[in-house]
């Protein structure tokens, strides 16, 4: 009990929740595998990235304990990381879209 108070984690997720998230990750992995064999044209990558983003969000929220984080610094770091990721992707796509101009 003293360890949980010392580490700052007052809430802990029940084991049932962890197994539920794990089962969801397994189902999403299977869905990714099955969707890879569908002919979706240019949307194959989009669907795979959406599923991967959902899985990454689940891992961050529950296994990295972001869901129960009460510290503002944790949330600020997550928002900043997402902002820079979107900035990187946006600039990369802008560069890719203008490659045919030269």
N, C-alpha and C. Protein backbone atom coordinates (compact mmCIF):
# COMPACT_ATOMS: atom_id res chain seq x y z
N UNK A 1 0.82 -1.18 0.00
CA UNK A 1 0.00 0.00 0.00
C UNK A 1 0.87 1.26 0.00
N UNK A 2 1.97 1.20 0.72
CA UNK A 2 2.86 2.35 0.77
C UNK A 2 3.54 2.57 -0.56
N UNK A 3 3.76 1.50 -1.32
CA UNK A 3 4.41 1.63 -2.62
C UNK A 3 3.53 2.39 -3.59
N UNK A 4 2.22 2.12 -3.60
CA UNK A 4 1.33 2.81 -4.53
C UNK A 4 1.20 4.28 -4.15
N UNK A 5 1.22 4.59 -2.88
CA UNK A 5 1.13 5.98 -2.46
C UNK A 5 2.43 6.72 -2.79
N UNK A 6 3.57 6.03 -2.66
CA UNK A 6 4.85 6.66 -2.93
C UNK A 6 5.05 6.91 -4.42
N UNK A 7 4.52 6.03 -5.26
CA UNK A 7 4.71 6.20 -6.70
C UNK A 7 3.73 7.17 -7.31
N UNK A 8 2.71 7.59 -6.58
CA UNK A 8 1.76 8.56 -7.08
C UNK A 8 0.58 7.94 -7.81
N UNK A 9 0.50 6.64 -7.87
CA UNK A 9 -0.62 5.97 -8.54
C UNK A 9 -1.62 5.53 -7.48
N UNK A 10 -2.65 6.33 -7.30
CA UNK A 10 -3.65 5.97 -6.30
C UNK A 10 -4.69 5.03 -6.88
N UNK A 11 -4.95 5.15 -8.19
CA UNK A 11 -5.91 4.27 -8.83
C UNK A 11 -5.16 3.20 -9.61
N UNK A 12 -5.61 1.97 -9.51
CA UNK A 12 -5.04 0.93 -10.35
C UNK A 12 -6.18 0.25 -11.08
N UNK A 13 -5.94 -0.06 -12.34
CA UNK A 13 -6.98 -0.69 -13.14
C UNK A 13 -7.12 -2.14 -12.74
N UNK A 14 -8.32 -2.65 -12.75
CA UNK A 14 -8.50 -4.06 -12.40
C UNK A 14 -7.93 -4.97 -13.48
N UNK A 15 -7.62 -6.16 -13.07
CA UNK A 15 -7.03 -7.15 -13.98
C UNK A 15 -7.98 -7.47 -15.12
N UNK A 16 -9.28 -7.46 -14.85
CA UNK A 16 -10.28 -7.74 -15.88
C UNK A 16 -10.18 -6.73 -17.04
N UNK A 17 -9.93 -5.47 -16.70
CA UNK A 17 -9.79 -4.43 -17.71
C UNK A 17 -8.56 -4.69 -18.59
N UNK A 18 -7.45 -5.08 -17.96
CA UNK A 18 -6.24 -5.38 -18.72
C UNK A 18 -6.46 -6.54 -19.69
N UNK A 19 -7.13 -7.56 -19.25
CA UNK A 19 -7.41 -8.69 -20.14
C UNK A 19 -8.37 -8.29 -21.26
N UNK A 20 -9.30 -7.40 -20.96
CA UNK A 20 -10.21 -6.90 -21.99
C UNK A 20 -9.48 -6.10 -23.06
N UNK A 21 -8.56 -5.24 -22.62
CA UNK A 21 -7.77 -4.45 -23.57
C UNK A 21 -6.87 -5.37 -24.37
N UNK A 22 -6.27 -6.35 -23.72
CA UNK A 22 -5.41 -7.32 -24.41
C UNK A 22 -6.19 -8.09 -25.47
N UNK A 23 -7.41 -8.53 -25.12
CA UNK A 23 -8.25 -9.25 -26.07
C UNK A 23 -8.63 -8.34 -27.24
N UNK A 24 -8.91 -7.08 -26.95
CA UNK A 24 -9.22 -6.12 -28.02
C UNK A 24 -8.02 -5.93 -28.94
N UNK A 25 -6.83 -5.86 -28.38
CA UNK A 25 -5.62 -5.74 -29.20
C UNK A 25 -5.43 -6.97 -30.08
N UNK A 26 -5.72 -8.14 -29.55
CA UNK A 26 -5.63 -9.36 -30.36
C UNK A 26 -6.64 -9.35 -31.49
N UNK A 27 -7.87 -8.93 -31.20
CA UNK A 27 -8.90 -8.87 -32.23
C UNK A 27 -8.51 -7.86 -33.32
N UNK A 28 -8.00 -6.70 -32.91
CA UNK A 28 -7.58 -5.70 -33.89
C UNK A 28 -6.39 -6.18 -34.72
N UNK A 29 -5.51 -6.96 -34.12
CA UNK A 29 -4.41 -7.54 -34.88
C UNK A 29 -4.93 -8.51 -35.92
N UNK A 30 -5.91 -9.32 -35.55
CA UNK A 30 -6.52 -10.25 -36.51
C UNK A 30 -7.25 -9.48 -37.61
N UNK A 31 -7.95 -8.40 -37.24
CA UNK A 31 -8.64 -7.58 -38.24
C UNK A 31 -7.62 -6.98 -39.22
N UNK A 32 -6.49 -6.53 -38.72
CA UNK A 32 -5.44 -6.00 -39.59
C UNK A 32 -4.96 -7.06 -40.56
N UNK A 33 -4.77 -8.27 -40.06
CA UNK A 33 -4.34 -9.39 -40.91
C UNK A 33 -5.37 -9.68 -42.00
N UNK A 34 -6.65 -9.71 -41.64
CA UNK A 34 -7.69 -10.02 -42.62
C UNK A 34 -7.88 -8.88 -43.64
N UNK A 35 -7.79 -7.65 -43.19
CA UNK A 35 -7.97 -6.51 -44.08
C UNK A 35 -6.83 -6.42 -45.09
N UNK A 36 -5.66 -6.92 -44.72
CA UNK A 36 -4.53 -6.87 -45.64
C UNK A 36 -4.79 -7.68 -46.90
N UNK A 37 -5.67 -8.66 -46.84
CA UNK A 37 -5.98 -9.48 -48.01
C UNK A 37 -7.18 -8.96 -48.81
N UNK A 38 -7.83 -7.91 -48.34
CA UNK A 38 -8.92 -7.31 -49.09
C UNK A 38 -8.34 -6.33 -50.12
N UNK A 39 -9.01 -6.22 -51.24
CA UNK A 39 -8.57 -5.29 -52.27
C UNK A 39 -9.29 -3.96 -52.05
N UNK A 40 -8.63 -3.04 -51.37
CA UNK A 40 -9.23 -1.75 -51.07
C UNK A 40 -8.58 -0.62 -51.87
N UNK A 41 -7.71 -0.98 -52.77
CA UNK A 41 -7.03 0.02 -53.58
C UNK A 41 -6.09 0.87 -52.73
N UNK A 42 -6.18 2.18 -52.87
CA UNK A 42 -5.28 3.04 -52.10
C UNK A 42 -5.64 3.14 -50.62
N UNK A 43 -6.76 2.56 -50.24
CA UNK A 43 -7.20 2.65 -48.84
C UNK A 43 -6.65 1.54 -47.96
N UNK A 44 -5.88 0.61 -48.52
CA UNK A 44 -5.26 -0.44 -47.70
C UNK A 44 -4.38 0.17 -46.61
N UNK A 45 -3.54 1.11 -47.00
CA UNK A 45 -2.65 1.75 -46.02
C UNK A 45 -3.42 2.58 -45.02
N UNK A 46 -4.46 3.24 -45.48
CA UNK A 46 -5.26 4.09 -44.58
C UNK A 46 -5.93 3.24 -43.51
N UNK A 47 -6.54 2.14 -43.90
CA UNK A 47 -7.21 1.27 -42.95
C UNK A 47 -6.20 0.67 -41.96
N UNK A 48 -5.06 0.24 -42.47
CA UNK A 48 -4.03 -0.33 -41.60
C UNK A 48 -3.52 0.72 -40.60
N UNK A 49 -3.34 1.96 -41.04
CA UNK A 49 -2.87 3.01 -40.13
C UNK A 49 -3.93 3.39 -39.11
N UNK A 50 -5.18 3.37 -39.49
CA UNK A 50 -6.26 3.67 -38.52
C UNK A 50 -6.31 2.60 -37.44
N UNK A 51 -6.23 1.34 -37.84
CA UNK A 51 -6.24 0.25 -36.86
C UNK A 51 -5.01 0.33 -35.97
N UNK A 52 -3.85 0.62 -36.55
CA UNK A 52 -2.63 0.75 -35.75
C UNK A 52 -2.72 1.92 -34.78
N UNK A 53 -3.35 3.00 -35.19
CA UNK A 53 -3.53 4.15 -34.30
C UNK A 53 -4.44 3.81 -33.13
N UNK A 54 -5.49 3.06 -33.40
CA UNK A 54 -6.39 2.63 -32.32
C UNK A 54 -5.64 1.74 -31.33
N UNK A 55 -4.84 0.82 -31.86
CA UNK A 55 -4.08 -0.06 -30.97
C UNK A 55 -3.06 0.72 -30.15
N UNK A 56 -2.38 1.68 -30.77
CA UNK A 56 -1.41 2.49 -30.04
C UNK A 56 -2.08 3.33 -28.96
N UNK A 57 -3.27 3.83 -29.25
CA UNK A 57 -4.01 4.60 -28.26
C UNK A 57 -4.41 3.73 -27.07
N UNK A 58 -4.87 2.52 -27.35
CA UNK A 58 -5.22 1.61 -26.25
C UNK A 58 -4.01 1.30 -25.37
N UNK A 59 -2.87 1.03 -26.00
CA UNK A 59 -1.66 0.73 -25.23
C UNK A 59 -1.26 1.92 -24.37
N UNK A 60 -1.27 3.12 -24.96
CA UNK A 60 -0.88 4.31 -24.20
C UNK A 60 -1.86 4.59 -23.05
N UNK A 61 -3.14 4.47 -23.32
CA UNK A 61 -4.13 4.81 -22.29
C UNK A 61 -4.11 3.85 -21.12
N UNK A 62 -4.03 2.56 -21.40
CA UNK A 62 -4.20 1.60 -20.32
C UNK A 62 -2.89 1.00 -19.81
N UNK A 63 -2.02 0.56 -20.69
CA UNK A 63 -0.80 -0.08 -20.23
C UNK A 63 0.27 0.92 -19.81
N UNK A 64 0.20 2.14 -20.34
CA UNK A 64 1.13 3.18 -19.92
C UNK A 64 0.49 4.11 -18.89
N UNK A 65 -0.72 3.79 -18.46
CA UNK A 65 -1.44 4.47 -17.37
C UNK A 65 -1.71 5.95 -17.65
N UNK A 66 -1.89 6.30 -18.90
CA UNK A 66 -2.23 7.68 -19.23
C UNK A 66 -3.68 7.98 -18.87
N UNK A 67 -4.53 6.98 -18.93
CA UNK A 67 -5.96 7.16 -18.62
C UNK A 67 -6.16 7.70 -17.21
N UNK A 68 -5.36 7.21 -16.27
CA UNK A 68 -5.51 7.62 -14.87
C UNK A 68 -4.50 8.67 -14.45
N UNK A 69 -3.78 9.23 -15.40
CA UNK A 69 -2.78 10.24 -15.05
C UNK A 69 -3.48 11.52 -14.64
N UNK A 70 -3.15 11.97 -13.46
CA UNK A 70 -3.74 13.21 -12.97
C UNK A 70 -2.77 14.39 -13.13
N UNK A 71 -1.56 14.09 -13.51
CA UNK A 71 -0.55 15.14 -13.66
C UNK A 71 -0.74 15.89 -14.96
N UNK A 72 -0.71 17.18 -14.89
CA UNK A 72 -0.89 17.99 -16.09
C UNK A 72 0.30 17.87 -17.02
N UNK A 73 1.47 17.60 -16.47
CA UNK A 73 2.66 17.47 -17.30
C UNK A 73 2.56 16.27 -18.23
N UNK A 74 2.00 15.18 -17.75
CA UNK A 74 1.82 13.99 -18.60
C UNK A 74 0.92 14.32 -19.78
N UNK A 75 -0.17 14.98 -19.53
CA UNK A 75 -1.09 15.33 -20.60
C UNK A 75 -0.47 16.34 -21.56
N UNK A 76 0.32 17.26 -21.03
CA UNK A 76 1.00 18.23 -21.88
C UNK A 76 2.01 17.55 -22.80
N UNK A 77 2.74 16.58 -22.30
CA UNK A 77 3.70 15.85 -23.12
C UNK A 77 2.98 15.09 -24.23
N UNK A 78 1.86 14.49 -23.91
CA UNK A 78 1.10 13.74 -24.93
C UNK A 78 0.57 14.68 -26.01
N UNK A 79 0.02 15.81 -25.62
CA UNK A 79 -0.49 16.77 -26.59
C UNK A 79 0.64 17.31 -27.46
N UNK A 80 1.78 17.61 -26.84
CA UNK A 80 2.93 18.11 -27.60
C UNK A 80 3.44 17.06 -28.58
N UNK A 81 3.51 15.81 -28.15
CA UNK A 81 3.97 14.74 -29.04
C UNK A 81 3.03 14.56 -30.22
N UNK A 82 1.73 14.61 -29.97
CA UNK A 82 0.77 14.49 -31.07
C UNK A 82 0.85 15.69 -32.01
N UNK A 83 1.05 16.88 -31.46
CA UNK A 83 1.19 18.06 -32.29
C UNK A 83 2.39 17.93 -33.23
N UNK A 84 3.54 17.53 -32.69
CA UNK A 84 4.73 17.41 -33.51
C UNK A 84 4.63 16.26 -34.50
N UNK A 85 3.92 15.20 -34.14
CA UNK A 85 3.69 14.12 -35.09
C UNK A 85 2.84 14.61 -36.26
N UNK A 86 1.77 15.33 -35.97
CA UNK A 86 0.93 15.88 -37.04
C UNK A 86 1.70 16.90 -37.88
N UNK A 87 2.55 17.69 -37.25
CA UNK A 87 3.38 18.64 -37.98
C UNK A 87 4.34 17.91 -38.92
N UNK A 88 4.97 16.88 -38.42
CA UNK A 88 5.89 16.09 -39.25
C UNK A 88 5.17 15.44 -40.42
N UNK A 89 4.02 14.83 -40.15
CA UNK A 89 3.25 14.20 -41.22
C UNK A 89 2.73 15.23 -42.22
N UNK A 90 2.28 16.36 -41.73
CA UNK A 90 1.79 17.41 -42.62
C UNK A 90 2.88 17.95 -43.54
N UNK A 91 4.05 18.21 -42.99
CA UNK A 91 5.14 18.71 -43.82
C UNK A 91 5.64 17.65 -44.80
N UNK A 92 5.63 16.41 -44.37
CA UNK A 92 6.04 15.33 -45.27
C UNK A 92 5.06 15.19 -46.43
N UNK A 93 3.77 15.25 -46.13
CA UNK A 93 2.76 15.16 -47.19
C UNK A 93 2.81 16.37 -48.12
N UNK A 94 3.10 17.55 -47.57
CA UNK A 94 3.23 18.74 -48.42
C UNK A 94 4.43 18.60 -49.35
N UNK A 95 5.53 18.07 -48.85
CA UNK A 95 6.70 17.84 -49.69
C UNK A 95 6.39 16.81 -50.77
N UNK A 96 5.73 15.75 -50.40
CA UNK A 96 5.39 14.69 -51.35
C UNK A 96 4.43 15.20 -52.43
N UNK A 97 3.49 16.04 -52.03
CA UNK A 97 2.50 16.55 -52.98
C UNK A 97 3.13 17.52 -53.98
N UNK A 98 4.22 18.17 -53.61
CA UNK A 98 4.83 19.14 -54.52
C UNK A 98 6.02 18.58 -55.29
N UNK A 99 6.28 17.31 -55.20
CA UNK A 99 7.43 16.73 -55.89
C UNK A 99 7.29 16.77 -57.41
N UNK A 100 6.08 16.72 -57.92
CA UNK A 100 5.90 16.69 -59.38
C UNK A 100 6.02 18.07 -59.99
N UNK A 101 6.14 19.13 -59.23
CA UNK A 101 6.19 20.48 -59.76
C UNK A 101 7.52 20.79 -60.43
N UNK A 102 8.59 20.12 -60.05
CA UNK A 102 9.89 20.49 -60.61
C UNK A 102 10.24 19.75 -61.86
